[in-house]
Structures are given as C-alpha cells and as structure tokens.
C-alpha cells in the first residue's frame, strides 16, 4: 500500500513539472536549442488566390524558405496574421482552399508545428467561424476564437517567456467588407457593444500579463507608411494601452511589405512590425507623412520581389526580430529587451 502511495506521489510530481499549474490550453513549450533561444516565424497576407492553382509564386517561395530555415533553426511555431485566404476567405470547414492554399504549400516537416492564426478583412468576407472550426480537424491550425491568448514557456518548463494576445481588428474597428484596394476610411465596428466588450477584454489581458515579453498581434496596422496607412481606431484605442502596459511589440499585416516602426510615449518605447509580404510585395509610401516623425526604422517592398516574412528569436535576456526574404537572406534585425 505504501509503495502505491509513493508511486502516486511520483506521478503527480512528474505531471506538475511537465505542466505548470497555470499552463494554458493553447500554451506551448519552446523547442530546446543549444544557444538557449526559442524561435518562431511570423507570416501575414499569405492567402494565395481564389482560382487554380490557389497559390502564388511568392507564397510558394516564402513557404519553401520557411521550411528550409525552420529545419536549420529548429523553430517552434508560426504566427499567421490574417488574410489567410484571398479574396473572400473560406465558405465552410470543408473548403478546398484549406488544402490547396495551406496544407500543400506549407508542407515542410519543420512547419508541422502549431500555427496560431487570426483573421483579416478578406477572411471576414467569407466564413471566419469555419476557419475557427478547422482547428478541430487540423493538428497544427490553432484558431480557437476571434480573440484569444497563449503563452510560450521556456524549454525547461519552469516559467513563461512570452505572452501573446491575438486580436480581431475587424471586430474592433470595422472593415470586414473591404478589399485591399479600397482605401475608404473604416466606418467603425459593425457591433459597437461587442467591440467595447472586447476592448475591455484586451485591457484585462494586458493587465494580467506576467511574462518578460508581451506580443500583441492583429491584422490592421497601428502605424504604416504604406497603402492603407495608420488605423485611426487602433491609434486612438490600442496604442495608449500598448504603452501603458509596456508591450514589447505589435505585429500586423494588411500592407504588403515589411516595416519596422517605433515610437516613444510617456517614457515607454513601442515597436510596430508590419509583416504583410508573403503573397505579394508592394512598394508604397503613400502615408509616409502620417506616422510619428522619425518612427520608420526599416522598409522593404517592390514590384518584382517574391515575398518575405518575420523571425523572432527569444531568450531571457533579449528578443531579436528579423525580416527574412524568400532566399532565406536576412534583410534587417533589431533587438528588444524584457519589459519586466
């Protein structure tokens, strides 16, 4: 009897070590690397085309680069920042676009890790709930709700390293009926009451974050110098919260290029990364005068480029963000320090 009791204690101890008591449903442990870094990719606006072959040369080139680099670097997961299926999202959980634009394109063994997904304006032109439901039949597609959180834990399973807050900026700001080439200002949320409920939820997640790094992701940019420019709704509502709670970075897509912007407010520094060049790259500076002075730190885009994506490498002492082009060449790097 005493032996059985000891065995039970050992099993309970092993479970506690393997899964901390506050380990969330969608949390994950980083892959262990010799240099102590955990690595993951960021990809936005990657959604192929709505007719055969349902993919673009840029999307394929980016997927191939991610697959090769993911194997070399032992990456742990991907963040997918919306416009997952051009131009009208998907219609059902059985839509062939899941297979032709996602599964067959991002097929490398290194990319069979979790994909944390959020919705863009083109996804809202279709059935976003079908994308959410797809997570029930896909082993890697993680899209539990329009808004959700998860955390990256250190590979030694002892403490959290990064908190992630995933937003649906269409629900917050409107624009779910727009094509990318429409430049009309957002009319505001379709349901103001629901938007306010989610704004309260957003601040609550920021307030409760305890990890050294906090990454917030949405589809629409806070700041951008390119085609769509800053999103006033996010500048007015999200930007002050990002500074107040000392978020590490805001990641987004929507504009089809790669940008790093940064600004300071009330003594806090904030980084904004536009990572929207996976399906097509566009060279556009239409809103260069609409962002804070000297905030643009890096820009990449062009007419004949085959796309790019982001890479984050993080440990206890620093987070390195890199822009990578389809040749696997590093275009740009910047370093961010823990906020706590």
Protein backbone atom coordinates (compact mmCIF):
# COMPACT_ATOMS: atom_id res chain seq x y z
CA UNK A 1 0.00 0.00 0.00
CA UNK A 2 2.81 2.35 0.95
CA UNK A 3 4.52 1.57 -2.39
CA UNK A 4 1.37 2.50 -4.33
CA UNK A 5 1.20 5.81 -2.41
CA UNK A 6 4.83 6.59 -3.31
CA UNK A 7 4.17 5.79 -6.97
CA UNK A 8 1.18 8.16 -6.98
CA UNK A 9 3.32 10.92 -5.46
CA UNK A 10 5.99 10.41 -8.12
CA UNK A 11 3.41 10.55 -10.92
CA UNK A 12 1.85 13.74 -9.51
CA UNK A 13 5.27 15.35 -9.20
CA UNK A 14 6.14 14.48 -12.80
CA UNK A 15 2.86 15.96 -14.03
CA UNK A 16 3.43 19.16 -12.10
CA UNK A 17 6.91 19.51 -13.54
CA UNK A 18 5.73 18.74 -17.06
CA UNK A 19 2.75 21.11 -16.94
CA UNK A 20 2.82 24.09 -14.55
CA UNK A 21 -0.46 24.75 -12.75
CA UNK A 22 -1.14 27.89 -14.82
CA UNK A 23 -0.22 26.28 -18.14
CA UNK A 24 -2.95 27.42 -20.54
CA UNK A 25 -4.88 25.30 -23.01
CA UNK A 26 -3.08 26.76 -26.04
CA UNK A 27 0.30 27.34 -24.39
CA UNK A 28 3.41 25.59 -25.62
CA UNK A 29 6.98 24.90 -24.63
CA UNK A 30 9.78 26.17 -26.84
CA UNK A 31 11.95 23.68 -28.69
CA UNK A 32 15.24 23.27 -26.89
CA UNK A 33 18.23 24.75 -28.72
CA UNK A 34 21.89 24.76 -27.72
CA UNK A 35 22.10 28.56 -27.76
CA UNK A 36 19.12 28.91 -25.40
CA UNK A 37 16.90 30.66 -27.96
CA UNK A 38 13.36 29.75 -28.91
CA UNK A 39 12.48 30.65 -32.49
CA UNK A 40 9.25 31.16 -34.40
CA UNK A 41 8.06 32.63 -37.69
CA UNK A 42 5.63 35.45 -38.43
CA UNK A 43 3.74 35.49 -41.72
CA UNK A 44 0.97 37.78 -42.95
CA UNK A 45 -1.23 38.21 -46.02
CA UNK A 46 -0.25 34.82 -47.37
CA UNK A 47 -3.63 33.72 -48.72
CA UNK A 48 -2.91 32.62 -52.30
CA UNK A 49 -5.53 33.28 -55.00
CA UNK A 50 -9.19 32.17 -55.33
CA UNK A 51 -8.68 30.18 -58.54
CA UNK A 52 -6.32 27.47 -59.76
CA UNK A 53 -3.63 26.83 -58.64
CA UNK A 54 -4.85 28.66 -55.45
CA UNK A 55 -1.31 29.79 -54.64
CA UNK A 56 1.12 32.42 -55.90
CA UNK A 57 4.85 32.16 -56.72
CA UNK A 58 5.55 34.47 -53.80
CA UNK A 59 3.60 32.33 -51.33
CA UNK A 60 5.38 29.19 -52.54
CA UNK A 61 8.80 30.87 -52.34
CA UNK A 62 8.12 32.09 -48.81
CA UNK A 63 6.85 28.65 -47.74
CA UNK A 64 9.97 26.96 -49.14
CA UNK A 65 12.25 29.42 -47.34
CA UNK A 66 10.39 28.96 -44.08
CA UNK A 67 10.60 25.20 -44.43
CA UNK A 68 14.35 25.18 -45.00
CA UNK A 69 15.13 27.80 -42.38
CA UNK A 70 12.77 26.18 -39.89
CA UNK A 71 14.72 22.94 -40.13
CA UNK A 72 18.06 24.71 -39.64
CA UNK A 73 16.85 26.78 -36.70
CA UNK A 74 14.52 24.24 -35.05
CA UNK A 75 11.61 26.70 -34.94
CA UNK A 76 8.73 26.04 -32.55
CA UNK A 77 5.64 27.55 -34.20
CA UNK A 78 4.20 30.17 -36.57
CA UNK A 79 2.05 33.29 -36.16
CA UNK A 80 -0.32 33.85 -39.12
CA UNK A 81 -1.57 37.44 -39.16
CA UNK A 82 -4.66 37.27 -41.35
CA UNK A 83 -5.83 37.43 -44.96
CA UNK A 84 -5.31 33.71 -44.89
CA UNK A 85 -7.44 33.08 -48.00
CA UNK A 86 -7.81 35.67 -50.76
CA UNK A 87 -10.15 37.23 -51.71
CA UNK A 88 -13.27 36.01 -49.91
CA UNK A 89 -11.99 33.72 -47.16
CA UNK A 90 -13.44 30.22 -46.98
CA UNK A 91 -17.06 29.13 -47.06
CA UNK A 92 -17.02 26.02 -44.87
CA UNK A 93 -14.76 23.74 -42.87
CA UNK A 94 -14.54 21.52 -45.98
CA UNK A 95 -13.50 24.34 -48.30
CA UNK A 96 -10.73 23.06 -50.64
CA UNK A 97 -8.76 26.24 -50.01
CA UNK A 98 -7.52 24.79 -46.71
CA UNK A 99 -5.84 22.00 -48.66
CA UNK A 100 -4.66 23.93 -51.72
CA UNK A 101 -3.55 27.22 -50.14
CA UNK A 102 -2.35 25.99 -46.75
CA UNK A 103 -1.70 22.28 -46.31
CA UNK A 104 0.00 21.59 -49.66
CA UNK A 105 2.00 24.83 -49.70
CA UNK A 106 3.36 24.87 -46.14
CA UNK A 107 4.12 21.17 -46.27
CA UNK A 108 7.72 21.07 -44.98
CA UNK A 109 8.27 18.84 -41.97
CA UNK A 110 9.60 21.80 -39.96
CA UNK A 111 6.28 23.62 -40.45
CA UNK A 112 4.17 20.80 -38.95
CA UNK A 113 4.27 22.75 -35.70
CA UNK A 114 1.42 24.90 -34.34
CA UNK A 115 0.09 27.75 -36.48
CA UNK A 116 -1.52 30.44 -34.32
CA UNK A 117 -3.99 32.13 -36.64
CA UNK A 118 -6.07 35.31 -36.63
CA UNK A 119 -8.48 36.79 -39.19
CA UNK A 120 -8.01 39.64 -41.66
CA UNK A 121 -10.51 41.67 -43.66
CA UNK A 122 -10.50 39.19 -46.56
CA UNK A 123 -11.24 36.35 -44.15
CA UNK A 124 -14.25 38.29 -42.88
CA UNK A 125 -15.60 38.43 -46.43
CA UNK A 126 -16.07 34.69 -46.00
CA UNK A 127 -16.82 32.47 -43.02
CA UNK A 128 -14.36 33.10 -40.20
CA UNK A 129 -16.17 30.61 -37.97
CA UNK A 130 -15.24 27.89 -40.49
CA UNK A 131 -11.57 28.80 -40.03
CA UNK A 132 -12.06 28.53 -36.29
CA UNK A 133 -13.74 25.13 -36.68
CA UNK A 134 -10.90 23.91 -38.91
CA UNK A 135 -8.74 23.73 -35.81
CA UNK A 136 -10.80 20.76 -34.68
CA UNK A 137 -9.65 18.63 -37.62
CA UNK A 138 -6.16 20.04 -38.18
CA UNK A 139 -3.28 19.06 -35.90
CA UNK A 140 -1.45 22.37 -36.40
CA UNK A 141 -4.13 25.02 -37.18
CA UNK A 142 -4.74 26.82 -33.85
CA UNK A 143 -7.56 29.35 -34.09
CA UNK A 144 -9.81 28.82 -31.06
CA UNK A 145 -11.72 32.12 -31.24
CA UNK A 146 -11.75 35.61 -32.76
CA UNK A 147 -9.74 36.80 -29.76
CA UNK A 148 -7.51 34.54 -27.67
CA UNK A 149 -4.27 34.34 -25.72
CA UNK A 150 -1.48 31.85 -25.29
CA UNK A 151 1.98 31.77 -23.75
CA UNK A 152 5.38 30.45 -24.74
CA UNK A 153 7.14 28.70 -21.88
CA UNK A 154 10.85 28.10 -21.57
CA UNK A 155 12.02 24.73 -22.79
CA UNK A 156 12.94 23.80 -19.19
CA UNK A 157 9.20 24.20 -18.37
CA UNK A 158 9.90 26.41 -15.36
CA UNK A 159 8.37 29.77 -16.34
CA UNK A 160 6.69 31.77 -19.07
CA UNK A 161 8.83 33.58 -21.60
CA UNK A 162 6.29 35.38 -23.84
CA UNK A 163 2.60 36.20 -23.51
CA UNK A 164 0.67 36.54 -26.78
CA UNK A 165 -2.63 38.38 -27.27
CA UNK A 166 -4.33 37.72 -30.61
CA UNK A 167 -6.87 40.31 -31.80
CA UNK A 168 -9.57 40.54 -34.43
CA UNK A 169 -9.11 44.13 -35.60
CA UNK A 170 -12.14 43.91 -37.90
CA UNK A 171 -14.45 43.36 -34.91
CA UNK A 172 -12.72 46.23 -33.08
CA UNK A 173 -12.58 48.71 -35.96
CA UNK A 174 -14.76 47.52 -38.86
CA UNK A 175 -13.67 46.98 -42.45
CA UNK A 176 -14.81 43.39 -42.86
CA UNK A 177 -16.41 44.14 -46.22
CA UNK A 178 -13.38 45.84 -47.76
CA UNK A 179 -11.00 44.67 -50.44
CA UNK A 180 -7.36 45.70 -50.06
CA UNK A 181 -7.56 48.11 -53.00
CA UNK A 182 -10.40 50.05 -51.37
CA UNK A 183 -8.95 52.98 -49.45
CA UNK A 184 -12.09 54.30 -47.80
CA UNK A 185 -11.73 55.01 -44.07
CA UNK A 186 -13.04 52.33 -41.74
CA UNK A 187 -16.63 53.06 -40.71
CA UNK A 188 -16.20 51.64 -37.24
CA UNK A 189 -17.24 48.30 -35.74
CA UNK A 190 -20.36 46.59 -37.02
CA UNK A 191 -21.42 45.98 -33.42
CA UNK A 192 -20.32 48.77 -31.09
CA UNK A 193 -21.39 46.97 -27.92
CA UNK A 194 -19.45 43.84 -28.85
CA UNK A 195 -16.39 45.92 -29.75
CA UNK A 196 -16.48 47.64 -26.34
CA UNK A 197 -16.73 44.29 -24.59
CA UNK A 198 -13.62 43.14 -26.45
CA UNK A 199 -11.76 46.37 -25.71
CA UNK A 200 -12.32 45.65 -22.02
CA UNK A 201 -11.10 42.08 -22.58
CA UNK A 202 -7.96 43.37 -24.33
CA UNK A 203 -7.01 45.61 -21.43
CA UNK A 204 -7.67 42.80 -18.96
CA UNK A 205 -5.26 40.51 -20.84
CA UNK A 206 -2.60 43.20 -20.85
CA UNK A 207 -3.10 43.81 -17.14
CA UNK A 208 -2.77 40.12 -16.31
CA UNK A 209 0.35 39.51 -18.42
CA UNK A 210 3.31 38.47 -16.29
CA UNK A 211 5.82 37.26 -18.90
CA UNK A 212 9.06 39.15 -19.63
CA UNK A 213 7.75 39.83 -23.15
CA UNK A 214 4.24 40.70 -24.37
CA UNK A 215 3.45 40.42 -28.07
CA UNK A 216 0.14 41.71 -29.41
CA UNK A 217 -0.97 40.72 -32.92
CA UNK A 218 -3.75 41.88 -35.22
CA UNK A 219 -4.33 42.26 -38.93
CA UNK A 220 -4.69 46.02 -39.32
CA UNK A 221 -1.60 48.13 -38.56
CA UNK A 222 -1.44 50.72 -35.82
CA UNK A 223 1.13 52.60 -37.88
CA UNK A 224 2.15 52.06 -41.51
CA UNK A 225 3.70 54.32 -44.15
CA UNK A 226 2.24 52.26 -47.00
CA UNK A 227 -1.02 51.87 -48.90
CA UNK A 228 -3.51 51.79 -46.03
CA UNK A 229 -1.55 53.86 -43.54
CA UNK A 230 -2.30 54.09 -39.81
CA UNK A 231 -5.57 52.68 -38.47
CA UNK A 232 -7.16 55.56 -36.53
CA UNK A 233 -9.23 53.23 -34.36
CA UNK A 234 -6.06 51.44 -33.20
CA UNK A 235 -4.03 54.63 -32.84
CA UNK A 236 -6.76 56.03 -30.59
CA UNK A 237 -7.61 52.94 -28.53
CA UNK A 238 -4.84 50.32 -28.77
CA UNK A 239 -1.71 52.46 -28.90
CA UNK A 240 -2.16 54.00 -25.42
CA UNK A 241 -2.76 50.55 -23.92
CA UNK A 242 0.35 49.13 -25.56
CA UNK A 243 2.41 51.87 -23.94
CA UNK A 244 0.60 51.75 -20.60
CA UNK A 245 1.22 48.03 -20.16
CA UNK A 246 4.68 48.14 -21.74
CA UNK A 247 4.02 45.67 -24.55
CA UNK A 248 7.11 44.50 -26.36
CA UNK A 249 5.73 44.72 -29.91
CA UNK A 250 2.62 44.88 -32.06
CA UNK A 251 2.66 42.59 -35.12
CA UNK A 252 0.34 43.02 -38.10
CA UNK A 253 -0.10 42.62 -41.84
CA UNK A 254 -2.59 44.31 -44.23
CA UNK A 255 0.03 46.40 -46.09
CA UNK A 256 2.01 44.16 -48.42
CA UNK A 257 5.56 44.94 -47.40
CA UNK A 258 7.87 44.70 -44.40
CA UNK A 259 8.15 47.62 -42.00
CA UNK A 260 9.56 48.39 -38.58
CA UNK A 261 8.30 51.50 -36.85
CA UNK A 262 8.90 52.61 -33.28
CA UNK A 263 7.76 55.49 -31.10
CA UNK A 264 8.01 56.75 -27.54
CA UNK A 265 5.08 57.85 -25.38
CA UNK A 266 5.14 58.79 -21.69
CA UNK A 267 8.61 57.35 -21.30
CA UNK A 268 7.85 53.97 -22.87
CA UNK A 269 9.21 52.63 -26.16
CA UNK A 270 6.97 50.65 -28.52
CA UNK A 271 7.81 48.60 -31.62
CA UNK A 272 5.44 48.04 -34.55
CA UNK A 273 6.18 45.44 -37.23
CA UNK A 274 4.23 45.17 -40.48
CA UNK A 275 4.72 41.66 -41.89
CA UNK A 276 2.36 41.51 -44.86
CA UNK A 277 4.55 40.44 -47.77
CA UNK A 278 4.04 36.67 -48.03
CA UNK A 279 1.70 36.63 -51.04
CA UNK A 280 2.75 39.78 -52.87
CA UNK A 281 5.18 42.62 -52.17
CA UNK A 282 4.24 46.20 -52.98
CA UNK A 283 6.35 49.36 -52.87
CA UNK A 284 4.15 52.12 -51.47
CA UNK A 285 4.87 55.14 -49.27
CA UNK A 286 1.54 56.94 -49.58
CA UNK A 287 1.28 57.53 -45.82
CA UNK A 288 4.89 58.40 -45.01
CA UNK A 289 3.75 61.74 -43.54
CA UNK A 290 1.01 60.16 -41.40
CA UNK A 291 3.19 58.31 -38.91
CA UNK A 292 5.14 59.82 -35.99
CA UNK A 293 8.23 61.75 -37.05
CA UNK A 294 11.31 59.52 -37.43
CA UNK A 295 9.31 56.43 -36.45
CA UNK A 296 10.12 54.42 -39.60
CA UNK A 297 13.21 52.32 -38.92
CA UNK A 298 13.07 49.92 -41.88
CA UNK A 299 11.05 49.38 -45.05
CA UNK A 300 11.15 46.67 -47.73
CA UNK A 301 8.86 46.26 -50.74
CA UNK A 302 8.96 46.23 -54.52
CA UNK A 303 7.30 45.24 -57.76
CA UNK A 304 9.33 42.11 -58.61
CA UNK A 305 10.10 40.70 -55.17
CA UNK A 306 8.95 37.23 -54.19
CA UNK A 307 7.94 37.98 -50.65
CA UNK A 308 9.25 37.89 -47.11
CA UNK A 309 8.37 37.01 -43.52
CA UNK A 310 9.49 37.55 -39.93
CA UNK A 311 11.54 35.55 -37.46
CA UNK A 312 11.74 36.03 -33.71
CA UNK A 313 14.50 34.54 -31.55
CA UNK A 314 13.95 34.95 -27.83
CA UNK A 315 15.61 34.11 -24.52
CA UNK A 316 15.61 35.55 -21.00
CA UNK A 317 17.83 38.49 -21.88
CA UNK A 318 16.71 39.64 -25.32
CA UNK A 319 14.30 39.21 -28.22
CA UNK A 320 15.67 39.54 -31.77
CA UNK A 321 13.28 40.32 -34.62
CA UNK A 322 14.47 39.66 -38.19
CA UNK A 323 12.92 40.27 -41.58
CA UNK A 324 13.77 37.43 -43.98
CA UNK A 325 13.26 37.36 -47.75
CA UNK A 326 12.35 34.30 -49.83
CA UNK A 327 16.03 33.47 -50.45
CA UNK A 328 16.48 32.97 -46.68
CA UNK A 329 18.61 36.14 -46.60
CA UNK A 330 18.26 38.30 -43.50
CA UNK A 331 17.18 41.78 -44.53
CA UNK A 332 17.07 43.52 -41.17
CA UNK A 333 17.41 42.84 -37.44
CA UNK A 334 16.56 44.68 -34.27
CA UNK A 335 16.84 43.73 -30.60
CA UNK A 336 14.28 44.26 -27.83
CA UNK A 337 14.82 43.83 -24.10
CA UNK A 338 12.48 42.29 -21.49
CA UNK A 339 9.82 44.66 -20.19
CA UNK A 340 9.73 43.16 -16.68
